Amino acid sequence: MIFNKYIKLYFLPCKKVCMKTKAAIFLLSISFTLFSSIVKAQMDFSNIDQLLEEKKEVLGKDFIVMVWKKDDTLVYKKQTNPQFKSVVQAPIASASKWLTAALVMMFVDEGKISLDDPVVNYIPEFGKYFKNYITIRNCLSQTTGIEAEPVKLMKLLERKKFESLEEEVNSFAAKKIVANPGKEFFYGNIGLNIAGRVLEVVGKRRFDQLMVQRLFRKLSMRRSSFSNLMGGAINPSGGAKSSADDYMNFLVMMLNKGMFRGQQVLSEAAVNELIRVQTTPDMIKYAPEAAKGFNYASGAWVLEDDGKGNATALACPGLFGTWPMIDYCHGYAYLFFVKDLLGEEKAAIHQQIIGMLNEKFSNTCQ
């Protein structure tokens, strides 16, 4: 640690370190100790430690839990396996959707696309099958009206090997329309993958390359990728790999309304658009069991809202275990990050943890 270097420096002979420097280091050590004591006194996470210990058989042996307090402070981190560190890459499944939605908004910020643009403007194949009214907004909110199969583990493992995202999305154009765009919600991979293909057309690069160039680099997400080393089509809806540290960088940016380390990565208006509630309960025709009862924004589920159409707490859980979440009212980001596929979301456990966190952070929205 940097602090340890200062301690060693303090005990060097006077000819190597002047008295003023020693005095400064001594004051720094006192300040550091006081700060650590204050943080520990204010934030007691022992009940979360206990819950994670009780549920370890359900949650698996390889996971990381991180909590970030607004104003850039990591207040909690638990690592269950010394080999599975927060820099280790792992698949994040549907937690990929949030990243894809954010990349779409970067193109909106640049004026290259509008959320209300018809998809057919960029992918003519949709016009051949009379799907002229599906917009990019419908894609992000999963209200395209295109028939979608429920997202299940075995279905994803059996996913047809399309050669490219273009080929896969063109196949969506031929699928049956079961509702008018914007009227019904079906959770799946169709909408976000169509949006990803639109970005390829506009950006003139593969989706995975655009993600690295425009989002990952700006957020220092060096261990994140949508590349498919096994071949086949890139999957914007569920094909990302990331690390706990990387994904927390994304959550911090979202929590800070687009700001990350002094740089405005997304405009505040873009973030506000991402957290706008896009569905009503009667629109939800298919949702995973863990998400039933929640509305949807753009790429993420709405856990709480302000009653005016804006989400105040959102989550984008991966079907296989990783669970990212931000709460604007309580001012924190929560991340449960797993190494291996758990097989299903552990929603009840996360809701317990979120309830505990809400008691520790004051609600600024009341």
Protein backbone atom coordinates (compact mmCIF):
# COMPACT_ATOMS: atom_id res chain seq x y z
CA MET A 1 0.00 0.00 0.00
CA ILE A 2 1.03 3.59 -0.61
CA PHE A 3 0.42 4.34 3.05
CA ASN A 4 2.92 1.64 4.08
CA LYS A 5 5.56 3.37 1.97
CA TYR A 6 4.98 6.55 3.95
CA ILE A 7 5.43 4.68 7.25
CA LYS A 8 8.75 3.20 6.06
CA LEU A 9 9.84 6.64 4.90
CA TYR A 10 9.10 8.10 8.33
CA PHE A 11 11.63 5.84 10.00
CA LEU A 12 14.51 6.58 7.62
CA PRO A 13 17.52 8.53 8.99
CA CYS A 14 17.19 12.31 9.13
CA LYS A 15 19.75 12.79 6.41
CA LYS A 16 17.36 11.10 3.98
CA VAL A 17 14.14 12.71 5.14
CA CYS A 18 13.88 16.24 6.51
CA MET A 19 12.02 16.95 9.75
CA LYS A 20 9.24 18.80 7.91
CA THR A 21 8.56 15.75 5.80
CA LYS A 22 8.47 13.54 8.91
CA ALA A 23 6.03 15.88 10.57
CA ALA A 24 3.79 15.85 7.51
CA ILE A 25 3.85 12.06 7.39
CA PHE A 26 3.04 11.85 11.10
CA LEU A 27 0.02 14.10 10.62
CA LEU A 28 -1.02 12.04 7.60
CA SER A 29 -0.88 8.84 9.65
CA ILE A 30 -3.08 10.36 12.35
CA SER A 31 -5.58 11.62 9.76
CA PHE A 32 -5.66 8.25 8.02
CA THR A 33 -6.30 6.40 11.29
CA LEU A 34 -9.05 8.80 12.31
CA PHE A 35 -10.69 8.57 8.87
CA SER A 36 -10.67 4.75 8.96
CA SER A 37 -12.19 4.76 12.45
CA ILE A 38 -14.91 7.20 11.42
CA VAL A 39 -15.87 5.16 8.33
CA LYS A 40 -16.03 1.93 10.33
CA ALA A 41 -18.10 3.61 13.02
CA GLN A 42 -20.55 5.03 10.52
CA MET A 43 -20.89 1.98 8.27
CA ASP A 44 -21.39 -1.35 10.01
CA PHE A 45 -21.88 -4.17 7.49
CA SER A 46 -21.74 -7.07 9.94
CA ASN A 47 -25.36 -8.04 9.23
CA ILE A 48 -24.58 -8.34 5.51
CA ASP A 49 -21.47 -10.41 6.32
CA GLN A 50 -23.65 -12.72 8.40
CA LEU A 51 -26.31 -13.05 5.68
CA LEU A 52 -23.71 -13.87 3.02
CA GLU A 53 -22.20 -16.49 5.32
CA GLU A 54 -25.63 -18.06 5.92
CA LYS A 55 -26.41 -18.16 2.19
CA LYS A 56 -23.01 -19.27 0.90
CA GLU A 57 -24.28 -22.70 -0.15
CA VAL A 58 -26.93 -21.03 -2.30
CA LEU A 59 -24.70 -18.27 -3.66
CA GLY A 60 -21.71 -20.46 -4.44
CA LYS A 61 -18.11 -20.17 -3.32
CA ASP A 62 -16.82 -17.67 -5.88
CA PHE A 63 -18.41 -14.25 -5.60
CA ILE A 64 -17.57 -10.65 -4.80
CA VAL A 65 -19.84 -8.07 -3.19
CA MET A 66 -19.07 -4.36 -3.49
CA VAL A 67 -20.93 -1.25 -2.29
CA TRP A 68 -20.00 2.20 -3.54
CA LYS A 69 -21.22 5.31 -1.78
CA LYS A 70 -21.97 8.36 -3.91
CA ASP A 71 -19.08 10.85 -4.07
CA ASP A 72 -16.66 8.08 -5.04
CA THR A 73 -16.14 6.00 -1.90
CA LEU A 74 -15.93 2.20 -1.78
CA VAL A 75 -17.45 1.42 1.62
CA TYR A 76 -17.78 -2.36 1.43
CA LYS A 77 -16.05 -5.20 -0.37
CA LYS A 78 -16.25 -8.92 0.33
CA GLN A 79 -14.26 -11.50 -1.60
CA THR A 80 -14.97 -15.16 -0.84
CA ASN A 81 -12.16 -16.79 -2.80
CA PRO A 82 -8.59 -15.38 -2.79
CA GLN A 83 -8.20 -16.62 -6.37
CA PHE A 84 -11.31 -14.82 -7.61
CA LYS A 85 -10.25 -11.21 -7.25
CA SER A 86 -12.17 -8.14 -8.35
CA VAL A 87 -9.93 -7.84 -11.42
CA VAL A 88 -10.79 -11.33 -12.71
CA GLN A 89 -12.99 -11.50 -15.81
CA ALA A 90 -16.21 -13.53 -15.84
CA PRO A 91 -19.35 -13.72 -18.04
CA ILE A 92 -22.13 -11.37 -16.88
CA ALA A 93 -25.02 -12.59 -19.09
CA SER A 94 -27.97 -10.18 -19.13
CA ALA A 95 -26.11 -7.56 -17.10
CA SER A 96 -24.68 -6.82 -20.57
CA LYS A 97 -27.93 -5.07 -21.52
CA TRP A 98 -27.20 -2.02 -19.38
CA LEU A 99 -23.86 -1.53 -21.12
CA THR A 100 -25.49 -1.77 -24.55
CA ALA A 101 -28.20 0.73 -23.63
CA ALA A 102 -25.53 3.17 -22.43
CA LEU A 103 -23.61 2.82 -25.69
CA VAL A 104 -26.78 3.61 -27.63
CA MET A 105 -27.15 6.81 -25.60
CA MET A 106 -23.59 7.81 -26.47
CA PHE A 107 -24.62 7.79 -30.13
CA VAL A 108 -27.71 9.82 -29.20
CA ASP A 109 -25.49 12.33 -27.37
CA GLU A 110 -23.42 12.69 -30.54
CA GLY A 111 -26.53 13.33 -32.64
CA LYS A 112 -25.91 10.27 -34.81
CA ILE A 113 -29.25 8.64 -33.96
CA SER A 114 -32.50 9.43 -32.15
CA LEU A 115 -34.36 7.03 -29.88
CA ASP A 116 -37.49 7.57 -31.94
CA ASP A 117 -35.82 6.71 -35.25
CA PRO A 118 -37.46 3.70 -36.94
CA VAL A 119 -35.08 0.74 -37.07
CA VAL A 120 -35.92 0.31 -40.77
CA ASN A 121 -33.97 3.52 -41.45
CA TYR A 122 -30.80 1.58 -40.67
CA ILE A 123 -31.80 -2.05 -41.34
CA PRO A 124 -33.88 -2.24 -44.56
CA GLU A 125 -34.64 -5.93 -43.93
CA PHE A 126 -37.34 -4.86 -41.46
CA GLY A 127 -39.20 -3.06 -44.24
CA LYS A 128 -39.48 -6.28 -46.24
CA TYR A 129 -41.56 -7.78 -43.44
CA PHE A 130 -43.67 -4.67 -42.76
CA LYS A 131 -41.94 -3.85 -39.47
CA ASN A 132 -41.57 -0.15 -40.27
CA TYR A 133 -42.75 1.23 -36.93
CA ILE A 134 -40.30 -0.38 -34.51
CA THR A 135 -38.09 2.35 -33.03
CA ILE A 136 -34.74 2.26 -31.25
CA ARG A 137 -36.62 3.22 -28.06
CA ASN A 138 -38.79 0.10 -28.47
CA CYS A 139 -35.61 -1.95 -28.73
CA LEU A 140 -34.11 -0.61 -25.49
CA SER A 141 -37.40 -1.04 -23.62
CA GLN A 142 -38.03 -4.52 -25.10
CA THR A 143 -41.37 -3.46 -26.55
CA THR A 144 -40.68 -4.27 -30.22
CA GLY A 145 -43.75 -6.52 -30.39
CA ILE A 146 -41.69 -9.27 -32.02
CA GLU A 147 -42.38 -12.77 -30.75
CA ALA A 148 -39.67 -13.77 -28.29
CA GLU A 149 -38.90 -17.02 -26.50
CA PRO A 150 -38.42 -16.93 -22.72
CA VAL A 151 -34.77 -16.55 -21.71
CA LYS A 152 -33.65 -19.84 -20.19
CA LEU A 153 -30.22 -21.28 -19.55
CA MET A 154 -30.54 -24.22 -21.93
CA LYS A 155 -31.99 -22.03 -24.69
CA LEU A 156 -28.99 -19.72 -24.48
CA LEU A 157 -26.55 -22.61 -24.52
CA GLU A 158 -28.32 -23.96 -27.62
CA ARG A 159 -28.33 -20.52 -29.29
CA LYS A 160 -28.00 -20.84 -33.02
CA LYS A 161 -24.54 -20.03 -34.30
CA PHE A 162 -25.15 -17.05 -36.54
CA GLU A 163 -22.07 -15.89 -38.38
CA SER A 164 -22.64 -12.24 -37.50
CA LEU A 165 -24.92 -9.91 -35.58
CA GLU A 166 -26.22 -8.71 -38.95
CA GLU A 167 -27.36 -12.23 -39.85
CA GLU A 168 -29.05 -12.76 -36.50
CA VAL A 169 -30.88 -9.42 -36.52
CA ASN A 170 -32.06 -9.94 -40.11
CA SER A 171 -33.62 -13.20 -38.91
CA PHE A 172 -35.57 -11.22 -36.29
CA ALA A 173 -37.16 -9.20 -39.09
CA ALA A 174 -38.86 -12.36 -40.34
CA LYS A 175 -40.30 -13.27 -36.94
CA LYS A 176 -43.97 -12.94 -36.13
CA ILE A 177 -45.30 -9.67 -34.71
CA VAL A 178 -47.55 -10.40 -31.71
CA ALA A 179 -48.23 -6.80 -30.60
CA ASN A 180 -47.91 -3.27 -31.91
CA PRO A 181 -44.54 -1.69 -31.03
CA GLY A 182 -44.60 0.04 -27.65
CA LYS A 183 -47.68 -1.83 -26.41
CA GLU A 184 -46.39 -5.06 -24.85
CA PHE A 185 -43.17 -6.08 -23.09
CA PHE A 186 -41.41 -9.38 -23.74
CA TYR A 187 -38.09 -9.89 -21.96
CA GLY A 188 -35.43 -11.40 -24.20
CA ASN A 189 -32.49 -10.74 -26.48
CA ILE A 190 -34.25 -9.36 -29.54
CA GLY A 191 -34.54 -5.64 -28.77
CA LEU A 192 -31.04 -4.96 -27.48
CA ASN A 193 -29.47 -7.01 -30.27
CA ILE A 194 -31.37 -5.00 -32.88
CA ALA A 195 -30.11 -1.81 -31.21
CA GLY A 196 -26.57 -3.19 -31.28
CA ARG A 197 -26.85 -3.85 -35.01
CA VAL A 198 -28.08 -0.27 -35.59
CA LEU A 199 -24.88 0.96 -33.92
CA GLU A 200 -22.80 -1.23 -36.23
CA VAL A 201 -24.47 0.33 -39.26
CA VAL A 202 -24.05 3.90 -37.98
CA GLY A 203 -20.59 3.41 -36.46
CA LYS A 204 -19.27 1.33 -39.39
CA ARG A 205 -17.57 -1.10 -37.01
CA ARG A 206 -18.41 -4.33 -35.20
CA PHE A 207 -20.40 -3.86 -32.02
CA ASP A 208 -17.64 -5.18 -29.75
CA GLN A 209 -15.14 -2.73 -31.26
CA LEU A 210 -17.52 0.20 -30.78
CA MET A 211 -18.05 -0.76 -27.14
CA VAL A 212 -14.32 -0.78 -26.40
CA GLN A 213 -13.62 2.41 -28.31
CA ARG A 214 -16.47 4.52 -26.95
CA LEU A 215 -17.45 3.21 -23.51
CA PHE A 216 -14.95 0.78 -22.01
CA ARG A 217 -11.88 2.96 -22.58
CA LYS A 218 -13.54 6.03 -21.08
CA LEU A 219 -14.52 4.05 -17.99
CA SER A 220 -11.14 2.27 -17.64
CA MET A 221 -12.92 -1.06 -18.16
CA ARG A 222 -9.79 -2.80 -19.42
CA ARG A 223 -10.98 -6.30 -18.53
CA SER A 224 -14.35 -6.04 -20.27
CA SER A 225 -15.24 -7.32 -23.71
CA PHE A 226 -18.08 -8.46 -25.96
CA SER A 227 -15.69 -10.40 -28.21
CA ASN A 228 -16.74 -13.96 -28.96
CA LEU A 229 -13.62 -16.11 -29.02
CA MET A 230 -15.73 -19.17 -29.86
CA GLY A 231 -16.87 -17.59 -33.12
CA GLY A 232 -20.34 -16.63 -34.22
CA ALA A 233 -22.40 -13.51 -33.69
CA ILE A 234 -21.63 -10.92 -31.03
CA ASN A 235 -24.41 -10.82 -28.42
CA PRO A 236 -25.17 -7.26 -27.15
CA SER A 237 -27.91 -8.61 -24.87
CA GLY A 238 -25.91 -11.15 -22.93
CA GLY A 239 -22.44 -11.74 -24.34
CA ALA A 240 -20.21 -9.49 -22.25
CA LYS A 241 -17.42 -10.52 -19.94
CA SER A 242 -16.28 -8.12 -17.28
CA SER A 243 -14.69 -7.88 -13.84
CA ALA A 244 -16.17 -6.62 -10.60
CA ASP A 245 -13.91 -3.56 -10.65
CA ASP A 246 -14.83 -2.78 -14.25
CA TYR A 247 -18.57 -3.11 -13.80
CA MET A 248 -18.46 -1.00 -10.66
CA ASN A 249 -16.85 1.75 -12.76
CA PHE A 250 -19.93 1.67 -14.97
CA LEU A 251 -22.27 1.80 -11.97
CA VAL A 252 -20.36 4.75 -10.51
CA MET A 253 -20.73 6.62 -13.80
CA MET A 254 -24.47 5.96 -13.81
CA LEU A 255 -24.80 6.92 -10.13
CA ASN A 256 -22.99 10.21 -10.84
CA LYS A 257 -25.33 11.00 -13.76
CA GLY A 258 -22.74 10.33 -16.46
CA MET A 259 -19.65 11.70 -14.72
CA PHE A 260 -16.61 9.46 -14.19
CA ARG A 261 -13.32 10.70 -12.75
CA GLY A 262 -13.99 14.25 -13.83
CA GLN A 263 -15.11 13.36 -17.36
CA GLN A 264 -18.72 13.55 -18.59
CA VAL A 265 -18.92 10.15 -20.32
CA LEU A 266 -22.70 10.37 -20.82
CA SER A 267 -24.70 13.56 -20.66
CA GLU A 268 -27.00 13.91 -17.67
CA ALA A 269 -29.89 14.06 -20.13
CA ALA A 270 -28.80 10.69 -21.56
CA VAL A 271 -28.71 9.09 -18.11
CA ASN A 272 -32.11 10.57 -17.30
CA GLU A 273 -33.43 8.97 -20.48
CA LEU A 274 -31.97 5.60 -19.48
CA ILE A 275 -33.76 5.71 -16.12
CA ARG A 276 -37.12 6.81 -17.51
CA VAL A 277 -39.81 4.19 -16.85
CA GLN A 278 -40.92 2.74 -20.20
CA THR A 279 -43.59 0.22 -19.20
CA THR A 280 -46.71 -0.14 -17.08
CA PRO A 281 -47.63 -3.34 -15.21
CA ASP A 282 -50.29 -4.32 -17.75
CA MET A 283 -47.70 -4.19 -20.57
CA ILE A 284 -45.52 -6.94 -19.05
CA LYS A 285 -46.39 -10.14 -20.92
CA TYR A 286 -43.24 -12.08 -20.09
CA ALA A 287 -40.62 -11.42 -17.40
CA PRO A 288 -38.23 -13.73 -15.52
CA GLU A 289 -39.60 -14.95 -12.20
CA ALA A 290 -37.17 -12.77 -10.24
CA ALA A 291 -38.34 -9.61 -12.03
CA LYS A 292 -42.09 -10.10 -11.81
CA GLY A 293 -43.84 -7.08 -10.38
CA PHE A 294 -41.24 -4.62 -11.67
CA ASN A 295 -41.42 -2.19 -14.57
CA TYR A 296 -38.66 -1.71 -17.13
CA ALA A 297 -36.61 1.31 -18.17
CA SER A 298 -33.99 1.04 -20.95
CA GLY A 299 -31.81 -2.01 -20.41
CA ALA A 300 -32.61 -2.29 -16.70
CA TRP A 301 -35.43 -3.11 -14.29
CA VAL A 302 -37.10 -0.42 -12.18
CA LEU A 303 -37.03 -1.32 -8.48
CA GLU A 304 -38.34 2.04 -7.25
CA ASP A 305 -39.64 5.18 -8.97
CA ASP A 306 -40.58 8.73 -8.04
CA GLY A 307 -44.19 8.46 -9.22
CA LYS A 308 -43.41 10.84 -12.09
CA GLY A 309 -42.06 8.29 -14.55
CA ASN A 310 -38.43 8.26 -13.37
CA ALA A 311 -36.68 5.33 -11.73
CA THR A 312 -34.90 6.02 -8.46
CA ALA A 313 -33.49 2.51 -8.08
CA LEU A 314 -32.64 0.14 -10.93
CA ALA A 315 -31.06 -3.28 -11.38
CA CYS A 316 -29.85 -5.27 -14.35
CA PRO A 317 -29.43 -8.82 -13.03
CA GLY A 318 -27.83 -11.47 -15.17
CA LEU A 319 -29.84 -14.66 -15.47
CA PHE A 320 -26.83 -16.57 -14.14
CA GLY A 321 -26.10 -14.64 -10.96
CA THR A 322 -24.36 -11.28 -11.35
CA TRP A 323 -26.57 -8.53 -9.92
CA PRO A 324 -25.71 -4.82 -10.46
CA MET A 325 -27.92 -2.14 -8.91
CA ILE A 326 -27.96 1.62 -8.27
CA ASP A 327 -30.12 3.65 -5.88
CA TYR A 328 -30.27 7.38 -6.49
CA CYS A 329 -32.34 8.19 -3.41
CA HIS A 330 -30.02 6.41 -0.98
CA GLY A 331 -26.93 7.31 -2.99
CA TYR A 332 -25.13 3.99 -3.50
CA ALA A 333 -24.27 1.32 -6.05
CA TYR A 334 -24.40 -2.39 -5.18
CA LEU A 335 -22.74 -5.19 -7.12
CA PHE A 336 -22.89 -8.94 -6.58
CA PHE A 337 -20.45 -10.48 -9.05
CA VAL A 338 -20.07 -14.23 -9.62
CA LYS A 339 -17.46 -16.33 -11.35
CA ASP A 340 -19.60 -19.27 -12.43
CA LEU A 341 -23.20 -19.53 -13.57
CA LEU A 342 -25.56 -20.02 -10.65
CA GLY A 343 -28.38 -21.21 -12.89
CA GLU A 344 -30.94 -18.64 -11.71
CA GLU A 345 -31.21 -15.23 -10.11
CA LYS A 346 -31.19 -15.14 -6.31
CA ALA A 347 -33.58 -12.21 -6.13
CA ALA A 348 -34.82 -12.78 -2.58
CA ILE A 349 -31.31 -12.68 -1.14
CA HIS A 350 -30.44 -9.51 -3.03
CA GLN A 351 -33.64 -7.86 -1.87
CA GLN A 352 -32.62 -8.67 1.71
CA ILE A 353 -29.20 -7.11 1.17
CA ILE A 354 -30.71 -4.05 -0.50
CA GLY A 355 -33.08 -3.65 2.44
CA MET A 356 -30.11 -3.70 4.82
CA LEU A 357 -28.23 -1.18 2.70
CA ASN A 358 -31.20 1.17 2.58
CA GLU A 359 -31.17 1.29 6.38
CA LYS A 360 -27.51 2.38 6.32
CA PHE A 361 -27.85 5.15 3.72
CA SER A 362 -30.12 8.14 4.28
CA ASN A 363 -32.96 8.60 1.79
CA THR A 364 -32.50 11.98 0.10
CA CYS A 365 -35.69 11.66 -1.95
CA GLN A 366 -38.15 11.93 0.94
